[in-house]
Amino acid sequence: MTDEVVRALLQRFYALQGERVEAYRLLEEGHRAYLSSAPRYDFPRYRQLVHELTLAFSGISREVLQLQGQLRDQHGRPELAQHLARLQEREQEKLQLTAQLQLARQRVQDEPGVDAHQQEVRELKHK
């Protein structure tokens, strides 16, 4: 029974990762639309999207932390819990880099002749 429960917990984790992928897709799509509204950026619409996706990312993270706790505390699988913890850390880093990249892309668009902005985008893409 424990193996079946652990399998179900991991399947839920994979489903949550799929939700993250979709949230990132929506964030990227929304940012492209935001940039295309230049020079009079439609910031209120973009801010609302970011707010909604922040709630989604937060909910996903909370649920992953619950899965992590169940794997560790109730099912004796600390190695799987630790793996989920590392993935959570990487997801946090990815979200921070995504925000930095979006800001850098806007700087490139607003000041196209500044090589430092273009270099920043290239560097962020390779992290």
C-alpha atoms as a PDB file:
ATOM      1  CA  MET A   1       0.000   0.000   0.000  1.00  0.00           C
ATOM      2  CA  THR A   2       2.796   2.437   0.859  1.00  0.00           C
ATOM      3  CA  ASP A   3       4.355   2.006  -2.593  1.00  0.00           C
ATOM      4  CA  GLU A   4       1.016   2.837  -4.203  1.00  0.00           C
ATOM      5  CA  VAL A   5       0.628   5.938  -2.026  1.00  0.00           C
ATOM      6  CA  VAL A   6       4.176   7.060  -2.800  1.00  0.00           C
ATOM      7  CA  ARG A   7       3.515   6.521  -6.498  1.00  0.00           C
ATOM      8  CA  ALA A   8       0.336   8.596  -6.243  1.00  0.00           C
ATOM      9  CA  LEU A   9       2.221  11.377  -4.424  1.00  0.00           C
ATOM     10  CA  LEU A  10       4.882  11.427  -7.144  1.00  0.00           C
ATOM     11  CA  GLN A  11       2.223  11.472  -9.855  1.00  0.00           C
ATOM     12  CA  ARG A  12       0.680  14.471  -8.148  1.00  0.00           C
ATOM     13  CA  PHE A  13       4.105  16.125  -8.094  1.00  0.00           C
ATOM     14  CA  TYR A  14       4.479  15.561 -11.845  1.00  0.00           C
ATOM     15  CA  ALA A  15       1.022  17.074 -12.391  1.00  0.00           C
ATOM     16  CA  LEU A  16       2.068  20.104 -10.336  1.00  0.00           C
ATOM     17  CA  GLN A  17       5.193  20.472 -12.450  1.00  0.00           C
ATOM     18  CA  GLY A  18       2.926  20.464 -15.506  1.00  0.00           C
ATOM     19  CA  GLU A  19       0.951  23.305 -13.923  1.00  0.00           C
ATOM     20  CA  ARG A  20       4.217  25.199 -13.419  1.00  0.00           C
ATOM     21  CA  VAL A  21       5.114  24.738 -17.075  1.00  0.00           C
ATOM     22  CA  GLU A  22       1.755  26.166 -18.074  1.00  0.00           C
ATOM     23  CA  ALA A  23       2.159  29.099 -15.671  1.00  0.00           C
ATOM     24  CA  TYR A  24       5.573  29.908 -17.172  1.00  0.00           C
ATOM     25  CA  ARG A  25       4.065  29.735 -20.662  1.00  0.00           C
ATOM     26  CA  LEU A  26       1.351  32.194 -19.654  1.00  0.00           C
ATOM     27  CA  LEU A  27       3.926  34.457 -18.009  1.00  0.00           C
ATOM     28  CA  GLU A  28       6.073  34.507 -21.149  1.00  0.00           C
ATOM     29  CA  GLU A  29       3.061  35.081 -23.389  1.00  0.00           C
ATOM     30  CA  GLY A  30       1.852  37.891 -21.135  1.00  0.00           C
ATOM     31  CA  HIS A  31       5.260  39.515 -21.089  1.00  0.00           C
ATOM     32  CA  ARG A  32       5.461  39.442 -24.883  1.00  0.00           C
ATOM     33  CA  ALA A  33       2.046  41.129 -25.034  1.00  0.00           C
ATOM     34  CA  TYR A  34       3.206  43.675 -22.456  1.00  0.00           C
ATOM     35  CA  LEU A  35       6.319  44.510 -24.486  1.00  0.00           C
ATOM     36  CA  SER A  36       4.276  44.813 -27.660  1.00  0.00           C
ATOM     37  CA  SER A  37       2.174  47.518 -25.985  1.00  0.00           C
ATOM     38  CA  ALA A  38       5.203  49.858 -25.929  1.00  0.00           C
ATOM     39  CA  PRO A  39       5.791  52.735 -25.716  1.00  0.00           C
ATOM     40  CA  ARG A  40       2.620  53.125 -23.626  1.00  0.00           C
ATOM     41  CA  TYR A  41       2.981  49.872 -21.724  1.00  0.00           C
ATOM     42  CA  ASP A  42      -0.233  48.284 -20.470  1.00  0.00           C
ATOM     43  CA  PHE A  43       1.183  47.789 -16.997  1.00  0.00           C
ATOM     44  CA  PRO A  44      -2.134  47.293 -15.140  1.00  0.00           C
ATOM     45  CA  ARG A  45      -2.995  44.259 -17.280  1.00  0.00           C
ATOM     46  CA  TYR A  46       0.475  42.792 -16.924  1.00  0.00           C
ATOM     47  CA  ARG A  47       0.478  43.435 -13.160  1.00  0.00           C
ATOM     48  CA  GLN A  48      -2.828  41.553 -12.854  1.00  0.00           C
ATOM     49  CA  LEU A  49      -1.405  38.603 -14.789  1.00  0.00           C
ATOM     50  CA  VAL A  50       1.700  38.543 -12.590  1.00  0.00           C
ATOM     51  CA  HIS A  51      -0.499  38.663  -9.490  1.00  0.00           C
ATOM     52  CA  GLU A  52      -2.600  35.716 -10.680  1.00  0.00           C
ATOM     53  CA  LEU A  53       0.443  33.674 -11.632  1.00  0.00           C
ATOM     54  CA  THR A  54       2.152  34.493  -8.335  1.00  0.00           C
ATOM     55  CA  LEU A  55      -0.856  32.988  -6.575  1.00  0.00           C
ATOM     56  CA  ALA A  56      -0.639  29.923  -8.814  1.00  0.00           C
ATOM     57  CA  PHE A  57       3.101  29.460  -8.194  1.00  0.00           C
ATOM     58  CA  SER A  58       2.560  29.916  -4.463  1.00  0.00           C
ATOM     59  CA  GLY A  59      -0.206  27.325  -4.379  1.00  0.00           C
ATOM     60  CA  ILE A  60       1.912  24.847  -6.317  1.00  0.00           C
ATOM     61  CA  SER A  61       4.839  25.387  -3.948  1.00  0.00           C
ATOM     62  CA  ARG A  62       2.642  24.893  -0.883  1.00  0.00           C
ATOM     63  CA  GLU A  63       1.327  21.633  -2.262  1.00  0.00           C
ATOM     64  CA  VAL A  64       4.807  20.399  -3.159  1.00  0.00           C
ATOM     65  CA  LEU A  65       5.912  21.155   0.411  1.00  0.00           C
ATOM     66  CA  GLN A  66       2.990  19.072   1.673  1.00  0.00           C
ATOM     67  CA  LEU A  67       3.994  16.203  -0.613  1.00  0.00           C
ATOM     68  CA  GLN A  68       7.552  16.537   0.626  1.00  0.00           C
ATOM     69  CA  GLY A  69       6.400  16.300   4.251  1.00  0.00           C
ATOM     70  CA  GLN A  70       4.232  13.274   3.548  1.00  0.00           C
ATOM     71  CA  LEU A  71       7.051  11.465   1.781  1.00  0.00           C
ATOM     72  CA  ARG A  72       9.464  12.190   4.636  1.00  0.00           C
ATOM     73  CA  ASP A  73       7.247  11.876   7.702  1.00  0.00           C
ATOM     74  CA  GLN A  74       4.496   9.429   6.792  1.00  0.00           C
ATOM     75  CA  HIS A  75       6.073   7.180   4.193  1.00  0.00           C
ATOM     76  CA  GLY A  76       9.716   6.956   5.255  1.00  0.00           C
ATOM     77  CA  ARG A  77      11.124   8.316   1.999  1.00  0.00           C
ATOM     78  CA  PRO A  78      13.495  11.102   3.063  1.00  0.00           C
ATOM     79  CA  GLU A  79      15.538  10.760  -0.146  1.00  0.00           C
ATOM     80  CA  LEU A  80      12.493  11.570  -2.267  1.00  0.00           C
ATOM     81  CA  ALA A  81      11.559  14.413   0.053  1.00  0.00           C
ATOM     82  CA  GLN A  82      15.072  15.813  -0.286  1.00  0.00           C
ATOM     83  CA  HIS A  83      14.865  15.546  -4.061  1.00  0.00           C
ATOM     84  CA  LEU A  84      11.629  17.532  -4.043  1.00  0.00           C
ATOM     85  CA  ALA A  85      13.273  20.117  -1.763  1.00  0.00           C
ATOM     86  CA  ARG A  86      16.131  20.565  -4.261  1.00  0.00           C
ATOM     87  CA  LEU A  87      13.668  20.909  -7.119  1.00  0.00           C
ATOM     88  CA  GLN A  88      11.756  23.537  -5.143  1.00  0.00           C
ATOM     89  CA  GLU A  89      14.980  25.511  -4.673  1.00  0.00           C
ATOM     90  CA  ARG A  90      15.681  25.343  -8.406  1.00  0.00           C
ATOM     91  CA  GLU A  91      12.149  26.455  -9.213  1.00  0.00           C
ATOM     92  CA  GLN A  92      12.586  29.469  -6.923  1.00  0.00           C
ATOM     93  CA  GLU A  93      15.829  30.354  -8.707  1.00  0.00           C
ATOM     94  CA  LYS A  94      14.173  29.908 -12.105  1.00  0.00           C
ATOM     95  CA  LEU A  95      11.327  32.232 -11.186  1.00  0.00           C
ATOM     96  CA  GLN A  96      13.779  34.899  -9.985  1.00  0.00           C
ATOM     97  CA  LEU A  97      15.822  34.582 -13.179  1.00  0.00           C
ATOM     98  CA  THR A  98      12.655  34.800 -15.262  1.00  0.00           C
ATOM     99  CA  ALA A  99      11.723  38.090 -13.599  1.00  0.00           C
ATOM    100  CA  GLN A 100      15.251  39.452 -14.096  1.00  0.00           C
ATOM    101  CA  LEU A 101      15.204  38.398 -17.748  1.00  0.00           C
ATOM    102  CA  GLN A 102      11.873  40.091 -18.351  1.00  0.00           C
ATOM    103  CA  LEU A 103      13.154  43.345 -16.869  1.00  0.00           C
ATOM    104  CA  ALA A 104      16.308  43.091 -18.958  1.00  0.00           C
ATOM    105  CA  ARG A 105      14.287  42.506 -22.129  1.00  0.00           C
ATOM    106  CA  GLN A 106      12.281  45.627 -21.426  1.00  0.00           C
ATOM    107  CA  ARG A 107      15.490  47.627 -20.948  1.00  0.00           C
ATOM    108  CA  VAL A 108      16.749  46.369 -24.326  1.00  0.00           C
ATOM    109  CA  GLN A 109      13.505  47.438 -25.943  1.00  0.00           C
ATOM    110  CA  ASP A 110      13.455  50.834 -24.229  1.00  0.00           C
ATOM    111  CA  GLU A 111      17.141  51.558 -24.912  1.00  0.00           C
ATOM    112  CA  PRO A 112      18.099  49.470 -27.965  1.00  0.00           C
ATOM    113  CA  GLY A 113      21.511  51.062 -28.424  1.00  0.00           C
ATOM    114  CA  VAL A 114      22.856  50.121 -24.988  1.00  0.00           C
ATOM    115  CA  ASP A 115      25.067  47.068 -25.432  1.00  0.00           C
ATOM    116  CA  ALA A 116      25.149  46.387 -21.685  1.00  0.00           C
ATOM    117  CA  HIS A 117      21.406  45.631 -21.715  1.00  0.00           C
ATOM    118  CA  GLN A 118      21.782  43.161 -24.562  1.00  0.00           C
ATOM    119  CA  GLN A 119      24.718  41.534 -22.784  1.00  0.00           C
ATOM    120  CA  GLU A 120      22.616  41.202 -19.619  1.00  0.00           C
ATOM    121  CA  VAL A 121      19.895  39.380 -21.553  1.00  0.00           C
ATOM    122  CA  ARG A 122      22.459  36.984 -23.056  1.00  0.00           C
ATOM    123  CA  GLU A 123      23.963  36.285 -19.629  1.00  0.00           C
ATOM    124  CA  LEU A 124      20.602  35.686 -17.985  1.00  0.00           C
ATOM    125  CA  LYS A 125      19.569  33.268 -20.731  1.00  0.00           C
ATOM    126  CA  HIS A 126      22.626  31.143 -20.000  1.00  0.00           C
ATOM    127  CA  LYS A 127      22.133  30.828 -16.264  1.00  0.00           C
END
